[in-house]
Protein backbone atom coordinates (compact mmCIF):
# COMPACT_ATOMS: atom_id res chain seq x y z
CA UNK A 1 75.20 28.40 22.36
CA UNK A 2 77.87 26.57 24.94
CA UNK A 3 80.90 25.50 23.62
CA UNK A 4 83.92 24.29 25.49
CA UNK A 5 87.39 22.87 24.48
CA UNK A 6 90.19 20.91 26.63
CA UNK A 7 93.77 19.58 25.15
CA UNK A 8 93.85 15.85 25.57
CA UNK A 9 97.52 14.95 25.96
CA UNK A 10 99.62 11.82 24.80
CA UNK A 11 100.77 9.62 26.51
CA UNK A 12 104.67 7.30 26.34
CA UNK A 13 105.72 4.49 28.07
CA UNK A 14 108.87 3.63 29.73
CA UNK A 15 108.71 -0.07 29.92
CA UNK A 16 105.70 -2.26 30.25
CA UNK A 17 105.32 -5.58 31.23
CA UNK A 18 102.58 -7.71 30.12
CA UNK A 19 101.39 -10.47 32.30
CA UNK A 20 98.96 -13.78 31.23
CA UNK A 21 95.15 -12.75 30.89
CA UNK A 22 93.49 -12.56 33.93
CA UNK A 23 89.96 -14.55 34.30
CA UNK A 24 87.92 -11.62 33.13
CA UNK A 25 90.36 -11.47 29.79
CA UNK A 26 91.56 -8.58 30.83
CA UNK A 27 95.90 -8.27 31.02
CA UNK A 28 97.90 -6.81 33.89
CA UNK A 29 100.58 -4.98 33.22
CA UNK A 30 103.13 -2.95 34.79
CA UNK A 31 104.63 0.37 33.45
CA UNK A 32 105.46 4.34 33.62
CA UNK A 33 103.14 6.16 31.72
CA UNK A 34 104.48 9.71 31.09
CA UNK A 35 102.44 12.47 28.85
CA UNK A 36 104.27 14.50 26.21
CA UNK A 37 103.21 18.28 24.61
CA UNK A 38 101.17 16.06 21.74
CA UNK A 39 97.74 16.45 22.32
CA UNK A 40 94.27 16.13 20.46
CA UNK A 41 91.63 18.96 21.00
CA UNK A 42 88.12 17.90 22.48
CA UNK A 43 85.40 20.33 21.54
CA UNK A 44 82.18 20.11 22.24
CA UNK A 45 79.21 22.18 21.40
CA UNK A 46 75.68 22.31 23.00
CA UNK A 47 72.74 22.63 20.43
CA UNK A 48 68.70 22.84 20.65
CA UNK A 49 68.51 19.07 18.56
CA UNK A 50 68.53 15.91 20.79
CA UNK A 51 71.59 13.58 20.24
CA UNK A 52 75.14 13.15 20.01
CA UNK A 53 76.83 14.40 16.57
CA UNK A 54 80.55 13.48 16.87
CA UNK A 55 82.93 14.74 14.11
CA UNK A 56 86.86 14.31 13.07
CA UNK A 57 88.13 15.69 10.02
CA UNK A 58 91.29 14.00 10.50
CA UNK A 59 89.61 10.38 10.37
CA UNK A 60 86.75 8.62 9.75
CA UNK A 61 84.65 6.97 13.28
CA UNK A 62 83.14 4.39 13.79
CA UNK A 63 79.62 4.73 14.89
CA UNK A 64 80.19 3.63 17.95
CA UNK A 65 83.28 4.75 18.88
CA UNK A 66 85.49 5.92 21.86
CA UNK A 67 83.46 9.34 22.32
CA UNK A 68 80.13 7.76 22.02
CA UNK A 69 81.38 5.27 24.95
CA UNK A 70 81.81 7.94 26.91
CA UNK A 71 78.79 10.02 26.97
CA UNK A 72 76.58 6.72 27.72
CA UNK A 73 79.18 5.94 30.58
CA UNK A 74 78.89 9.39 32.28
CA UNK A 75 74.57 9.60 31.83
CA UNK A 76 75.13 5.74 33.04
CA UNK A 77 76.86 6.23 35.98
CA UNK A 78 75.40 9.85 37.11
CA UNK A 79 72.00 9.33 35.86
CA UNK A 80 72.13 12.48 33.68
CA UNK A 81 70.21 12.56 30.52
CA UNK A 82 72.63 14.96 28.34
CA UNK A 83 71.90 17.82 26.25
CA UNK A 84 71.99 17.76 22.49
CA UNK A 85 75.77 18.06 21.46
CA UNK A 86 78.41 18.24 19.04
CA UNK A 87 81.63 17.00 19.51
CA UNK A 88 84.35 18.11 17.58
CA UNK A 89 88.07 16.25 17.61
CA UNK A 90 90.98 17.81 16.61
CA UNK A 91 93.81 14.73 16.15
CA UNK A 92 97.34 15.64 16.60
CA UNK A 93 97.68 12.35 18.18
CA UNK A 94 98.39 9.30 14.99
CA UNK A 95 95.55 6.38 15.61
CA UNK A 96 96.91 2.81 16.76
CA UNK A 97 99.97 4.57 18.03
CA UNK A 98 100.23 3.30 21.52
CA UNK A 99 99.84 6.95 22.22
CA UNK A 100 96.48 6.75 24.57
CA UNK A 101 95.19 9.54 22.06
CA UNK A 102 91.48 7.83 22.38
CA UNK A 103 91.74 6.87 26.19
CA UNK A 104 93.15 10.67 26.69
CA UNK A 105 90.14 11.72 24.41
CA UNK A 106 87.67 10.30 26.42
CA UNK A 107 88.95 11.68 29.70
CA UNK A 108 89.57 14.97 28.37
CA UNK A 109 85.55 14.40 27.28
CA UNK A 110 84.42 13.84 30.99
CA UNK A 111 86.11 16.76 32.12
CA UNK A 112 84.28 18.71 29.82
CA UNK A 113 81.32 17.52 30.71
CA UNK A 114 80.89 17.75 34.36
CA UNK A 115 81.59 21.30 32.97
CA UNK A 116 78.59 21.52 31.26
CA UNK A 117 76.46 19.90 33.50
CA UNK A 118 77.50 21.99 36.53
CA UNK A 119 78.25 18.37 38.30
CA UNK A 120 81.14 17.08 40.07
CA UNK A 121 81.94 13.91 39.94
CA UNK A 122 83.25 11.67 42.86
CA UNK A 123 86.42 9.91 41.91
CA UNK A 124 84.68 6.83 42.18
CA UNK A 125 82.13 7.79 39.66
CA UNK A 126 85.45 9.06 37.66
CA UNK A 127 86.96 5.71 37.83
CA UNK A 128 83.58 3.64 37.13
CA UNK A 129 83.55 5.58 33.66
CA UNK A 130 86.85 5.13 33.25
CA UNK A 131 86.34 1.18 33.62
CA UNK A 132 83.64 1.11 30.95
CA UNK A 133 85.17 2.71 28.55
CA UNK A 134 89.15 1.48 28.16
CA UNK A 135 92.19 1.01 30.80
CA UNK A 136 94.41 3.27 29.43
CA UNK A 137 91.37 6.28 30.62
CA UNK A 138 92.51 5.48 34.21
CA UNK A 139 95.87 7.34 33.67
CA UNK A 140 94.18 9.73 32.16
CA UNK A 141 91.53 10.45 34.58
CA UNK A 142 94.22 10.86 37.74
CA UNK A 143 94.89 14.08 36.88
CA UNK A 144 93.00 17.17 36.20
CA UNK A 145 94.89 18.37 33.56
CA UNK A 146 95.20 15.09 31.85
CA UNK A 147 98.89 15.90 32.28
CA UNK A 148 101.13 13.97 34.25
CA UNK A 149 103.34 10.66 35.26
CA UNK A 150 102.78 7.94 37.25
CA UNK A 151 103.34 3.50 38.12
CA UNK A 152 100.59 2.16 36.84
CA UNK A 153 99.80 -1.70 37.42
CA UNK A 154 96.61 -4.09 37.07
CA UNK A 155 94.65 -3.65 34.28
CA UNK A 156 95.80 -0.26 34.57
CA UNK A 157 93.05 1.46 36.84
CA UNK A 158 96.38 1.23 39.70
CA UNK A 159 98.12 4.52 38.92
CA UNK A 160 100.26 5.54 41.34
CA UNK A 161 100.93 9.68 40.53
CA UNK A 162 105.49 9.77 40.46
CA UNK A 163 106.90 13.26 39.68
CA UNK A 164 107.46 13.44 36.70
CA UNK A 165 111.29 14.00 34.39
CA UNK A 166 110.92 17.14 32.87
CA UNK A 167 114.18 16.68 30.96
CA UNK A 168 113.48 13.83 28.77
CA UNK A 169 113.76 15.16 25.05
CA UNK A 170 111.91 12.49 22.51
CA UNK A 171 111.38 11.76 19.38
CA UNK A 172 108.09 10.36 18.02
CA UNK A 173 108.78 7.58 14.48
CA UNK A 174 105.33 6.43 13.44
CA UNK A 175 105.39 3.51 11.52
CA UNK A 176 103.28 3.77 8.11
CA UNK A 177 101.20 0.88 9.66
CA UNK A 178 99.09 1.60 13.19
CA UNK A 179 98.98 -1.47 15.48
CA UNK A 180 95.61 -2.74 16.25
CA UNK A 181 95.30 -3.17 19.52
CA UNK A 182 93.25 -6.49 20.34
CA UNK A 183 95.15 -8.13 17.32
CA UNK A 184 98.41 -6.99 19.60
CA UNK A 185 97.12 -8.76 22.56
CA UNK A 186 96.24 -11.50 20.39
CA UNK A 187 100.36 -11.57 19.43
CA UNK A 188 101.14 -10.99 22.85
CA UNK A 189 98.89 -14.21 24.50
CA UNK A 190 100.68 -16.36 21.72
CA UNK A 191 104.38 -14.90 23.16
CA UNK A 192 102.96 -15.89 26.57
CA UNK A 193 102.02 -19.59 26.07
CA UNK A 194 105.06 -20.28 23.93
CA UNK A 195 107.72 -18.72 26.67
CA UNK A 196 109.15 -15.31 26.60
CA UNK A 197 113.20 -14.62 27.55
CA UNK A 198 112.75 -11.10 28.30
CA UNK A 199 114.24 -9.77 31.31
CA UNK A 200 111.81 -6.85 33.22
CA UNK A 201 113.12 -4.65 36.07
CA UNK A 202 111.30 -5.34 39.66
CA UNK A 203 108.25 -3.11 39.60
CA UNK A 204 109.20 -2.21 43.03
CA UNK A 205 112.58 -0.76 41.37
CA UNK A 206 110.45 0.76 38.01
CA UNK A 207 110.53 4.60 39.70
CA UNK A 208 114.18 4.57 41.11
CA UNK A 209 115.31 3.54 37.31
CA UNK A 210 113.21 6.03 35.49
CA UNK A 211 115.16 8.70 37.81
CA UNK A 212 118.34 6.85 37.18
CA UNK A 213 120.91 7.83 34.02
CA UNK A 214 118.66 7.03 30.67
CA UNK A 215 121.73 5.54 28.73
CA UNK A 216 121.26 2.61 31.63
CA UNK A 217 117.64 1.97 31.95
CA UNK A 218 117.15 -1.93 31.75
CA UNK A 219 113.19 -1.54 30.21
CA UNK A 220 111.69 -3.97 27.81
CA UNK A 221 108.25 -4.39 26.20
CA UNK A 222 106.50 -7.13 25.73
CA UNK A 223 105.10 -6.17 22.28
CA UNK A 224 107.63 -5.39 20.76
CA UNK A 225 108.94 -9.59 20.23
CA UNK A 226 105.51 -10.23 19.61
CA UNK A 227 104.21 -8.02 16.87
CA UNK A 228 107.31 -7.14 14.92
CA UNK A 229 107.00 -10.34 13.23
CA UNK A 230 103.57 -8.22 11.49
CA UNK A 231 105.10 -5.00 11.53
CA UNK A 232 108.99 -5.24 10.75
CA UNK A 233 109.13 -1.37 10.23
CA UNK A 234 108.96 -1.33 14.07
CA UNK A 235 112.59 -3.32 14.48
CA UNK A 236 113.66 -1.25 11.40
CA UNK A 237 113.05 2.38 13.40
CA UNK A 238 113.56 1.32 16.36
CA UNK A 239 117.66 -0.04 14.60
CA UNK A 240 117.44 3.84 12.74
CA UNK A 241 116.87 5.55 16.48
CA UNK A 242 119.82 3.85 18.12
CA UNK A 243 122.26 4.84 14.85
CA UNK A 244 121.16 8.02 15.76
CA UNK A 245 122.68 8.19 19.22
CA UNK A 246 119.45 8.33 21.49
CA UNK A 247 120.21 7.43 25.10
CA UNK A 248 117.10 4.56 25.12
CA UNK A 249 114.40 3.59 22.61
CA UNK A 250 111.72 1.34 22.50
CA UNK A 251 107.93 0.86 21.46
CA UNK A 252 105.53 2.81 23.34
CA UNK A 253 102.24 0.91 24.46
CA UNK A 254 101.13 -1.69 21.51
CA UNK A 255 103.00 0.30 18.81
CA UNK A 256 103.58 0.96 16.60
CA UNK A 257 104.87 4.72 17.63
CA UNK A 258 108.86 4.04 17.84
CA UNK A 259 110.25 7.09 20.11
CA UNK A 260 114.16 7.71 21.60
CA UNK A 261 115.44 9.93 24.39
CA UNK A 262 117.64 12.32 24.20
CA UNK A 263 119.93 14.40 26.02
CA UNK A 264 119.23 17.77 25.36
CA UNK A 265 116.70 19.16 22.47
CA UNK A 266 119.05 20.18 20.06
CA UNK A 267 120.12 16.75 19.46
CA UNK A 268 116.49 15.26 19.29
CA UNK A 269 116.08 17.81 16.89
CA UNK A 270 118.97 17.02 14.58
CA UNK A 271 118.02 13.47 15.16
CA UNK A 272 114.33 14.12 14.02
CA UNK A 273 115.66 15.64 10.80
CA UNK A 274 117.70 12.27 9.92
CA UNK A 275 115.17 10.54 10.26
CA UNK A 276 112.16 12.14 9.01
CA UNK A 277 114.47 11.03 5.48
CA UNK A 278 112.87 8.01 6.03
CA UNK A 279 109.90 8.41 8.31
CA UNK A 280 106.94 11.00 9.49
CA UNK A 281 108.39 11.45 12.79
CA UNK A 282 108.48 14.48 15.39
CA UNK A 283 110.07 16.12 18.01
CA UNK A 284 108.05 15.67 21.86
CA UNK A 285 108.62 16.61 25.81
CA UNK A 286 107.88 15.16 28.29
CA UNK A 287 105.30 17.42 30.35
CA UNK A 288 104.99 17.46 34.64
CA UNK A 289 101.91 17.66 36.34
CA UNK A 290 100.09 20.83 36.35
CA UNK A 291 97.68 21.35 38.29
CA UNK A 292 97.50 18.55 40.88
CA UNK A 293 96.91 15.02 40.78
CA UNK A 294 93.64 13.43 42.29
CA UNK A 295 95.53 10.87 43.57
CA UNK A 296 94.60 7.79 41.38
CA UNK A 297 95.22 5.54 44.23
CA UNK A 298 93.00 6.02 46.56
CA UNK A 299 90.24 6.40 43.79
CA UNK A 300 90.93 2.54 43.57
CA UNK A 301 90.83 2.42 47.27
CA UNK A 302 87.38 4.07 46.71
CA UNK A 303 86.08 1.50 44.48
CA UNK A 304 86.98 -1.33 46.38
CA UNK A 305 85.24 -0.04 49.36
């Protein structure tokens, strides 16, 4: 039977400003997303049996999960009935780490479903599927191989691809406690209701700052003061990454992954050795877009029209 596998890459956030909730319950945000060379593998095998089977050796998935939601969204948008399938997830991206693993899995699965059904989705259809599954899915859907860099705004649907830096050497630190995205946003809402003292760079300056010296980055992440009280290991990890000589240190997404950026690969490797004495961590490199973007900002326009 036909078997198709795709990689689903992780992303990190360079800065993340979360705005008060919108009328539809979503939050607008301002951030730069970039993929790194940490990935899950999504494999689909067609079967003679009807229905969908989802397997993942590294974690127990609920009956309703990102894979089932993506398949249902694909059928809804295309009007097709998918054949019997077995989907196997090999997780290389920690769950609850703010690295977009589930969303990247969804985007990779959509590309696989196109291949096995011989359907070429329109940009609007891809965007509609992303909107049904999750806000980060838009970013991963903006690039043909799921790798790229972009300024992301709106709830995540406004994706402006930019040239990604390939000179960023990271150490990703994974605190033992995962972060729940719904809980993290609830804590952000509490923070925003009380006022906050973070100073964010203007949206129009994000790309300029990103391309400037890393040690001068002025990026902030709204989730750090919001969730550090419940996950104190985040603050501990940030402080210990700073001590290893990182040029910039922050939280990815809603956490709980902390990252440091170093000027050379050897510095990142040395820092990882030091941090590994206490933390689960790994070295990662940023990845640039490799097969061309689908210009997600144009998809957004298509969706509005």
